[in-house]
Amino acid sequence: MKVKDNFILKKIADSYVVIPIRSRTVDFSGVIKLTESASVLWQMLEKGAEREELVARLLEEYEVDDNTAREDVDRFLQKLREADLIE
């Protein structure tokens, strides 16, 4: 799984935002605000991470149980699919 081209993640003050660039500005206007944990997942998706890698990272970085990590990853991926941001 991978984030589609022409989106970049930026940290602005204490916030993480995804901004469309180049041709994506026509298809997608605005920005997407992410939590810190979502920004970690986004960065992994930029490199082509799979679901299980994302779950493992949440378990490693945050104090969550396996079920919560899986639900959070699935919810995040679903939102990205709905916005047509991942391949």
PDB file of N, CA and C in Angstrom:
ATOM      1  N   MET A   1       0.841  -1.164   0.000  1.00  0.00           N
ATOM      2  CA  MET A   1       0.000   0.000   0.000  1.00  0.00           C
ATOM      3  C   MET A   1       0.894   1.238   0.000  1.00  0.00           C
ATOM      4  N   LYS A   2       0.463   2.253  -0.701  1.00  0.00           N
ATOM      5  CA  LYS A   2       1.311   3.436  -0.794  1.00  0.00           C
ATOM      6  C   LYS A   2       0.452   4.685  -0.979  1.00  0.00           C
ATOM      7  N   VAL A   3       0.925   5.780  -0.398  1.00  0.00           N
ATOM      8  CA  VAL A   3       0.282   7.080  -0.593  1.00  0.00           C
ATOM      9  C   VAL A   3       0.471   7.477  -2.063  1.00  0.00           C
ATOM     10  N   LYS A   4      -0.569   8.023  -2.649  1.00  0.00           N
ATOM     11  CA  LYS A   4      -0.464   8.470  -4.037  1.00  0.00           C
ATOM     12  C   LYS A   4       0.544   9.615  -4.150  1.00  0.00           C
ATOM     13  N   ASP A   5       1.115   9.756  -5.326  1.00  0.00           N
ATOM     14  CA  ASP A   5       2.092  10.820  -5.580  1.00  0.00           C
ATOM     15  C   ASP A   5       1.459  12.199  -5.417  1.00  0.00           C
ATOM     16  N   ASN A   6       2.322  13.154  -5.220  1.00  0.00           N
ATOM     17  CA  ASN A   6       1.964  14.569  -5.179  1.00  0.00           C
ATOM     18  C   ASN A   6       1.185  15.006  -3.938  1.00  0.00           C
ATOM     19  N   PHE A   7       1.449  14.332  -2.825  1.00  0.00           N
ATOM     20  CA  PHE A   7       0.992  14.783  -1.516  1.00  0.00           C
ATOM     21  C   PHE A   7       2.212  14.816  -0.622  1.00  0.00           C
ATOM     22  N   ILE A   8       2.321  15.862   0.190  1.00  0.00           N
ATOM     23  CA  ILE A   8       3.446  15.935   1.120  1.00  0.00           C
ATOM     24  C   ILE A   8       2.935  16.173   2.531  1.00  0.00           C
ATOM     25  N   LEU A   9       3.682  15.636   3.482  1.00  0.00           N
ATOM     26  CA  LEU A   9       3.374  15.804   4.896  1.00  0.00           C
ATOM     27  C   LEU A   9       4.280  16.903   5.443  1.00  0.00           C
ATOM     28  N   LYS A  10       3.676  17.849   6.128  1.00  0.00           N
ATOM     29  CA  LYS A  10       4.436  18.945   6.746  1.00  0.00           C
ATOM     30  C   LYS A  10       4.036  19.073   8.204  1.00  0.00           C
ATOM     31  N   LYS A  11       5.013  19.406   9.034  1.00  0.00           N
ATOM     32  CA  LYS A  11       4.719  19.736  10.429  1.00  0.00           C
ATOM     33  C   LYS A  11       4.729  21.253  10.537  1.00  0.00           C
ATOM     34  N   ILE A  12       3.615  21.792  10.958  1.00  0.00           N
ATOM     35  CA  ILE A  12       3.479  23.235  11.118  1.00  0.00           C
ATOM     36  C   ILE A  12       3.106  23.481  12.574  1.00  0.00           C
ATOM     37  N   ALA A  13       4.027  24.110  13.285  1.00  0.00           N
ATOM     38  CA  ALA A  13       3.889  24.290  14.740  1.00  0.00           C
ATOM     39  C   ALA A  13       3.742  22.907  15.358  1.00  0.00           C
ATOM     40  N   ASP A  14       2.636  22.644  16.031  1.00  0.00           N
ATOM     41  CA  ASP A  14       2.423  21.338  16.657  1.00  0.00           C
ATOM     42  C   ASP A  14       1.451  20.473  15.866  1.00  0.00           C
ATOM     43  N   SER A  15       1.181  20.852  14.632  1.00  0.00           N
ATOM     44  CA  SER A  15       0.219  20.120  13.810  1.00  0.00           C
ATOM     45  C   SER A  15       0.898  19.464  12.618  1.00  0.00           C
ATOM     46  N   TYR A  16       0.322  18.357  12.178  1.00  0.00           N
ATOM     47  CA  TYR A  16       0.781  17.670  10.973  1.00  0.00           C
ATOM     48  C   TYR A  16      -0.300  17.822   9.917  1.00  0.00           C
ATOM     49  N   VAL A  17       0.094  18.257   8.726  1.00  0.00           N
ATOM     50  CA  VAL A  17      -0.870  18.427   7.637  1.00  0.00           C
ATOM     51  C   VAL A  17      -0.333  17.791   6.361  1.00  0.00           C
ATOM     52  N   VAL A  18      -1.257  17.265   5.579  1.00  0.00           N
ATOM     53  CA  VAL A  18      -0.938  16.725   4.264  1.00  0.00           C
ATOM     54  C   VAL A  18      -1.448  17.735   3.248  1.00  0.00           C
ATOM     55  N   ILE A  19      -0.562  18.107   2.330  1.00  0.00           N
ATOM     56  CA  ILE A  19      -0.869  19.147   1.360  1.00  0.00           C
ATOM     57  C   ILE A  19      -0.726  18.570  -0.043  1.00  0.00           C
ATOM     58  N   PRO A  20      -1.711  18.805  -0.911  1.00  0.00           N
ATOM     59  CA  PRO A  20      -1.565  18.366  -2.298  1.00  0.00           C
ATOM     60  C   PRO A  20      -0.605  19.299  -3.038  1.00  0.00           C
ATOM     61  N   ILE A  21       0.166  18.741  -3.946  1.00  0.00           N
ATOM     62  CA  ILE A  21       1.064  19.546  -4.771  1.00  0.00           C
ATOM     63  C   ILE A  21       0.890  19.160  -6.237  1.00  0.00           C
ATOM     64  N   ARG A  22       1.413  19.980  -7.096  1.00  0.00           N
ATOM     65  CA  ARG A  22       1.371  19.786  -8.545  1.00  0.00           C
ATOM     66  C   ARG A  22      -0.032  19.461  -9.030  1.00  0.00           C
ATOM     67  N   SER A  23      -0.190  18.383  -9.764  1.00  0.00           N
ATOM     68  CA  SER A  23      -1.474  18.063 -10.387  1.00  0.00           C
ATOM     69  C   SER A  23      -2.565  17.738  -9.368  1.00  0.00           C
ATOM     70  N   ARG A  24      -2.207  17.350  -8.174  1.00  0.00           N
ATOM     71  CA  ARG A  24      -3.210  17.000  -7.159  1.00  0.00           C
ATOM     72  C   ARG A  24      -3.993  18.219  -6.672  1.00  0.00           C
ATOM     73  N   THR A  25      -3.457  19.407  -6.852  1.00  0.00           N
ATOM     74  CA  THR A  25      -4.179  20.593  -6.387  1.00  0.00           C
ATOM     75  C   THR A  25      -5.476  20.788  -7.162  1.00  0.00           C
ATOM     76  N   VAL A  26      -5.547  20.261  -8.381  1.00  0.00           N
ATOM     77  CA  VAL A  26      -6.773  20.351  -9.176  1.00  0.00           C
ATOM     78  C   VAL A  26      -7.818  19.391  -8.636  1.00  0.00           C
ATOM     79  N   ASP A  27      -7.392  18.161  -8.306  1.00  0.00           N
ATOM     80  CA  ASP A  27      -8.314  17.118  -7.847  1.00  0.00           C
ATOM     81  C   ASP A  27      -8.683  17.248  -6.377  1.00  0.00           C
ATOM     82  N   PHE A  28      -7.795  17.832  -5.601  1.00  0.00           N
ATOM     83  CA  PHE A  28      -7.974  17.837  -4.149  1.00  0.00           C
ATOM     84  C   PHE A  28      -7.605  19.216  -3.621  1.00  0.00           C
ATOM     85  N   SER A  29      -8.584  19.931  -3.139  1.00  0.00           N
ATOM     86  CA  SER A  29      -8.277  21.260  -2.608  1.00  0.00           C
ATOM     87  C   SER A  29      -8.309  21.204  -1.092  1.00  0.00           C
ATOM     88  N   GLY A  30      -7.462  21.975  -0.465  1.00  0.00           N
ATOM     89  CA  GLY A  30      -7.416  22.016   0.985  1.00  0.00           C
ATOM     90  C   GLY A  30      -6.240  21.232   1.537  1.00  0.00           C
ATOM     91  N   VAL A  31      -6.301  20.961   2.828  1.00  0.00           N
ATOM     92  CA  VAL A  31      -5.265  20.201   3.515  1.00  0.00           C
ATOM     93  C   VAL A  31      -5.948  19.167   4.405  1.00  0.00           C
ATOM     94  N   ILE A  32      -5.172  18.182   4.816  1.00  0.00           N
ATOM     95  CA  ILE A  32      -5.660  17.156   5.723  1.00  0.00           C
ATOM     96  C   ILE A  32      -4.845  17.264   6.996  1.00  0.00           C
ATOM     97  N   LYS A  33      -5.502  17.412   8.111  1.00  0.00           N
ATOM     98  CA  LYS A  33      -4.814  17.497   9.392  1.00  0.00           C
ATOM     99  C   LYS A  33      -4.721  16.097   9.995  1.00  0.00           C
ATOM    100  N   LEU A  34      -3.517  15.728  10.450  1.00  0.00           N
ATOM    101  CA  LEU A  34      -3.288  14.412  11.025  1.00  0.00           C
ATOM    102  C   LEU A  34      -2.835  14.527  12.472  1.00  0.00           C
ATOM    103  N   THR A  35      -3.147  13.508  13.243  1.00  0.00           N
ATOM    104  CA  THR A  35      -2.605  13.406  14.594  1.00  0.00           C
ATOM    105  C   THR A  35      -1.152  12.958  14.482  1.00  0.00           C
ATOM    106  N   GLU A  36      -0.451  12.974  15.590  1.00  0.00           N
ATOM    107  CA  GLU A  36       0.938  12.519  15.574  1.00  0.00           C
ATOM    108  C   GLU A  36       1.037  11.059  15.131  1.00  0.00           C
ATOM    109  N   SER A  37       0.173  10.207  15.679  1.00  0.00           N
ATOM    110  CA  SER A  37       0.233   8.786  15.299  1.00  0.00           C
ATOM    111  C   SER A  37      -0.144   8.591  13.836  1.00  0.00           C
ATOM    112  N   ALA A  38      -1.103   9.342  13.343  1.00  0.00           N
ATOM    113  CA  ALA A  38      -1.467   9.242  11.926  1.00  0.00           C
ATOM    114  C   ALA A  38      -0.317   9.710  11.037  1.00  0.00           C
ATOM    115  N   SER A  39       0.444  10.695  11.494  1.00  0.00           N
ATOM    116  CA  SER A  39       1.585  11.158  10.692  1.00  0.00           C
ATOM    117  C   SER A  39       2.659  10.075  10.604  1.00  0.00           C
ATOM    118  N   VAL A  40       2.825   9.300  11.679  1.00  0.00           N
ATOM    119  CA  VAL A  40       3.769   8.182  11.656  1.00  0.00           C
ATOM    120  C   VAL A  40       3.325   7.156  10.619  1.00  0.00           C
ATOM    121  N   LEU A  41       2.029   6.837  10.611  1.00  0.00           N
ATOM    122  CA  LEU A  41       1.501   5.883   9.637  1.00  0.00           C
ATOM    123  C   LEU A  41       1.631   6.423   8.218  1.00  0.00           C
ATOM    124  N   TRP A  42       1.347   7.699   8.029  1.00  0.00           N
ATOM    125  CA  TRP A  42       1.463   8.323   6.708  1.00  0.00           C
ATOM    126  C   TRP A  42       2.886   8.179   6.170  1.00  0.00           C
ATOM    127  N   GLN A  43       3.867   8.475   7.019  1.00  0.00           N
ATOM    128  CA  GLN A  43       5.263   8.381   6.593  1.00  0.00           C
ATOM    129  C   GLN A  43       5.621   6.954   6.196  1.00  0.00           C
ATOM    130  N   MET A  44       5.079   5.990   6.890  1.00  0.00           N
ATOM    131  CA  MET A  44       5.317   4.591   6.528  1.00  0.00           C
ATOM    132  C   MET A  44       4.653   4.261   5.198  1.00  0.00           C
ATOM    133  N   LEU A  45       3.453   4.793   4.976  1.00  0.00           N
ATOM    134  CA  LEU A  45       2.751   4.552   3.715  1.00  0.00           C
ATOM    135  C   LEU A  45       3.468   5.211   2.537  1.00  0.00           C
ATOM    136  N   GLU A  46       4.165   6.294   2.787  1.00  0.00           N
ATOM    137  CA  GLU A  46       4.954   6.918   1.719  1.00  0.00           C
ATOM    138  C   GLU A  46       6.011   5.949   1.194  1.00  0.00           C
ATOM    139  N   LYS A  47       6.425   5.021   2.057  1.00  0.00           N
ATOM    140  CA  LYS A  47       7.457   4.044   1.683  1.00  0.00           C
ATOM    141  C   LYS A  47       6.864   2.700   1.277  1.00  0.00           C
ATOM    142  N   GLY A  48       5.533   2.613   1.250  1.00  0.00           N
ATOM    143  CA  GLY A  48       4.900   1.389   0.794  1.00  0.00           C
ATOM    144  C   GLY A  48       4.643   0.351   1.865  1.00  0.00           C
ATOM    145  N   ALA A  49       4.408   0.764   3.096  1.00  0.00           N
ATOM    146  CA  ALA A  49       4.167  -0.177   4.198  1.00  0.00           C
ATOM    147  C   ALA A  49       2.839  -0.902   4.021  1.00  0.00           C
ATOM    148  N   GLU A  50       2.780  -2.100   4.559  1.00  0.00           N
ATOM    149  CA  GLU A  50       1.554  -2.890   4.551  1.00  0.00           C
ATOM    150  C   GLU A  50       0.867  -2.773   5.909  1.00  0.00           C
ATOM    151  N   ARG A  51      -0.366  -3.216   5.964  1.00  0.00           N
ATOM    152  CA  ARG A  51      -1.200  -3.087   7.162  1.00  0.00           C
ATOM    153  C   ARG A  51      -0.500  -3.627   8.409  1.00  0.00           C
ATOM    154  N   GLU A  52       0.053  -4.817   8.326  1.00  0.00           N
ATOM    155  CA  GLU A  52       0.672  -5.427   9.506  1.00  0.00           C
ATOM    156  C   GLU A  52       1.873  -4.622  10.007  1.00  0.00           C
ATOM    157  N   GLU A  53       2.600  -3.985   9.094  1.00  0.00           N
ATOM    158  CA  GLU A  53       3.721  -3.127   9.490  1.00  0.00           C
ATOM    159  C   GLU A  53       3.211  -1.899  10.246  1.00  0.00           C
ATOM    160  N   LEU A  54       2.078  -1.362   9.788  1.00  0.00           N
ATOM    161  CA  LEU A  54       1.485  -0.201  10.447  1.00  0.00           C
ATOM    162  C   LEU A  54       1.022  -0.562  11.855  1.00  0.00           C
ATOM    163  N   VAL A  55       0.378  -1.711  11.991  1.00  0.00           N
ATOM    164  CA  VAL A  55      -0.076  -2.170  13.303  1.00  0.00           C
ATOM    165  C   VAL A  55       1.118  -2.358  14.230  1.00  0.00           C
ATOM    166  N   ALA A  56       2.156  -3.013  13.733  1.00  0.00           N
ATOM    167  CA  ALA A  56       3.351  -3.265  14.557  1.00  0.00           C
ATOM    168  C   ALA A  56       3.971  -1.960  15.037  1.00  0.00           C
ATOM    169  N   ARG A  57       3.984  -0.948  14.179  1.00  0.00           N
ATOM    170  CA  ARG A  57       4.567   0.345  14.563  1.00  0.00           C
ATOM    171  C   ARG A  57       3.763   1.011  15.662  1.00  0.00           C
ATOM    172  N   LEU A  58       2.433   0.958  15.556  1.00  0.00           N
ATOM    173  CA  LEU A  58       1.609   1.542  16.622  1.00  0.00           C
ATOM    174  C   LEU A  58       1.843   0.823  17.939  1.00  0.00           C
ATOM    175  N   LEU A  59       1.956  -0.490  17.882  1.00  0.00           N
ATOM    176  CA  LEU A  59       2.206  -1.261  19.098  1.00  0.00           C
ATOM    177  C   LEU A  59       3.561  -0.923  19.706  1.00  0.00           C
ATOM    178  N   GLU A  60       4.519  -0.643  18.849  1.00  0.00           N
ATOM    179  CA  GLU A  60       5.872  -0.311  19.290  1.00  0.00           C
ATOM    180  C   GLU A  60       5.948   1.097  19.887  1.00  0.00           C
ATOM    181  N   GLU A  61       5.280   2.036  19.249  1.00  0.00           N
ATOM    182  CA  GLU A  61       5.397   3.452  19.616  1.00  0.00           C
ATOM    183  C   GLU A  61       4.445   3.907  20.719  1.00  0.00           C
ATOM    184  N   TYR A  62       3.278   3.288  20.793  1.00  0.00           N
ATOM    185  CA  TYR A  62       2.234   3.784  21.685  1.00  0.00           C
ATOM    186  C   TYR A  62       1.745   2.677  22.609  1.00  0.00           C
ATOM    187  N   GLU A  63       1.210   3.067  23.732  1.00  0.00           N
ATOM    188  CA  GLU A  63       0.700   2.106  24.699  1.00  0.00           C
ATOM    189  C   GLU A  63      -0.741   1.741  24.353  1.00  0.00           C
ATOM    190  N   VAL A  64      -0.882   0.889  23.349  1.00  0.00           N
ATOM    191  CA  VAL A  64      -2.194   0.400  22.927  1.00  0.00           C
ATOM    192  C   VAL A  64      -2.134  -1.117  22.810  1.00  0.00           C
ATOM    193  N   ASP A  65      -3.290  -1.744  22.950  1.00  0.00           N
ATOM    194  CA  ASP A  65      -3.329  -3.192  22.780  1.00  0.00           C
ATOM    195  C   ASP A  65      -3.482  -3.527  21.291  1.00  0.00           C
ATOM    196  N   ASP A  66      -3.296  -4.783  20.974  1.00  0.00           N
ATOM    197  CA  ASP A  66      -3.312  -5.235  19.581  1.00  0.00           C
ATOM    198  C   ASP A  66      -4.624  -4.900  18.886  1.00  0.00           C
ATOM    199  N   ASN A  67      -5.742  -5.138  19.546  1.00  0.00           N
ATOM    200  CA  ASN A  67      -7.047  -4.890  18.945  1.00  0.00           C
ATOM    201  C   ASN A  67      -7.242  -3.403  18.639  1.00  0.00           C
ATOM    202  N   THR A  68      -6.859  -2.546  19.562  1.00  0.00           N
ATOM    203  CA  THR A  68      -6.978  -1.096  19.356  1.00  0.00           C
ATOM    204  C   THR A  68      -6.097  -0.643  18.203  1.00  0.00           C
ATOM    205  N   ALA A  69      -4.872  -1.137  18.139  1.00  0.00           N
ATOM    206  CA  ALA A  69      -3.962  -0.769  17.050  1.00  0.00           C
ATOM    207  C   ALA A  69      -4.542  -1.177  15.704  1.00  0.00           C
ATOM    208  N   ARG A  70      -5.081  -2.380  15.616  1.00  0.00           N
ATOM    209  CA  ARG A  70      -5.673  -2.858  14.357  1.00  0.00           C
ATOM    210  C   ARG A  70      -6.883  -2.018  13.948  1.00  0.00           C
ATOM    211  N   GLU A  71      -7.738  -1.717  14.909  1.00  0.00           N
ATOM    212  CA  GLU A  71      -8.909  -0.886  14.616  1.00  0.00           C
ATOM    213  C   GLU A  71      -8.498   0.511  14.167  1.00  0.00           C
ATOM    214  N   ASP A  72      -7.510   1.093  14.838  1.00  0.00           N
ATOM    215  CA  ASP A  72      -7.039   2.432  14.472  1.00  0.00           C
ATOM    216  C   ASP A  72      -6.439   2.441  13.065  1.00  0.00           C
ATOM    217  N   VAL A  73      -5.635   1.445  12.753  1.00  0.00           N
ATOM    218  CA  VAL A  73      -5.039   1.360  11.414  1.00  0.00           C
ATOM    219  C   VAL A  73      -6.132   1.181  10.364  1.00  0.00           C
ATOM    220  N   ASP A  74      -7.066   0.295  10.616  1.00  0.00           N
ATOM    221  CA  ASP A  74      -8.144   0.063   9.652  1.00  0.00           C
ATOM    222  C   ASP A  74      -8.979   1.318   9.424  1.00  0.00           C
ATOM    223  N   ARG A  75      -9.274   2.031  10.499  1.00  0.00           N
ATOM    224  CA  ARG A  75     -10.052   3.271  10.382  1.00  0.00           C
ATOM    225  C   ARG A  75      -9.279   4.318   9.576  1.00  0.00           C
ATOM    226  N   PHE A  76      -7.983   4.444   9.847  1.00  0.00           N
ATOM    227  CA  PHE A  76      -7.142   5.404   9.129  1.00  0.00           C
ATOM    228  C   PHE A  76      -7.062   5.045   7.640  1.00  0.00           C
ATOM    229  N   LEU A  77      -6.827   3.779   7.341  1.00  0.00           N
ATOM    230  CA  LEU A  77      -6.749   3.347   5.948  1.00  0.00           C
ATOM    231  C   LEU A  77      -8.075   3.557   5.221  1.00  0.00           C
ATOM    232  N   GLN A  78      -9.180   3.308   5.909  1.00  0.00           N
ATOM    233  CA  GLN A  78     -10.487   3.516   5.288  1.00  0.00           C
ATOM    234  C   GLN A  78     -10.699   4.984   4.930  1.00  0.00           C
ATOM    235  N   LYS A  79     -10.307   5.873   5.819  1.00  0.00           N
ATOM    236  CA  LYS A  79     -10.438   7.306   5.530  1.00  0.00           C
ATOM    237  C   LYS A  79      -9.569   7.705   4.333  1.00  0.00           C
ATOM    238  N   LEU A  80      -8.365   7.145   4.259  1.00  0.00           N
ATOM    239  CA  LEU A  80      -7.502   7.452   3.120  1.00  0.00           C
ATOM    240  C   LEU A  80      -8.079   6.905   1.819  1.00  0.00           C
ATOM    241  N   ARG A  81      -8.676   5.715   1.877  1.00  0.00           N
ATOM    242  CA  ARG A  81      -9.326   5.147   0.673  1.00  0.00           C
ATOM    243  C   ARG A  81     -10.490   6.005   0.233  1.00  0.00           C
ATOM    244  N   GLU A  82     -11.318   6.425   1.189  1.00  0.00           N
ATOM    245  CA  GLU A  82     -12.465   7.257   0.875  1.00  0.00           C
ATOM    246  C   GLU A  82     -12.059   8.575   0.219  1.00  0.00           C
ATOM    247  N   ALA A  83     -10.919   9.095   0.629  1.00  0.00           N
ATOM    248  CA  ALA A  83     -10.405  10.347   0.054  1.00  0.00           C
ATOM    249  C   ALA A  83      -9.553  10.085  -1.181  1.00  0.00           C
ATOM    250  N   ASP A  84      -9.414   8.812  -1.562  1.00  0.00           N
ATOM    251  CA  ASP A  84      -8.618   8.401  -2.736  1.00  0.00           C
ATOM    252  C   ASP A  84      -7.160   8.868  -2.629  1.00  0.00           C
ATOM    253  N   LEU A  85      -6.567   8.620  -1.456  1.00  0.00           N
ATOM    254  CA  LEU A  85      -5.205   9.050  -1.211  1.00  0.00           C
ATOM    255  C   LEU A  85      -4.182   7.927  -1.236  1.00  0.00           C
ATOM    256  N   ILE A  86      -4.625   6.666  -1.282  1.00  0.00           N
ATOM    257  CA  ILE A  86      -3.680   5.556  -1.315  1.00  0.00           C
ATOM    258  C   ILE A  86      -3.969   4.631  -2.487  1.00  0.00           C
ATOM    259  N   GLU A  87      -2.908   3.933  -2.898  1.00  0.00           N
ATOM    260  CA  GLU A  87      -3.011   2.978  -4.014  1.00  0.00           C
ATOM    261  C   GLU A  87      -3.050   1.582  -3.460  1.00  0.00           C
TER     262      GLU A  87
END
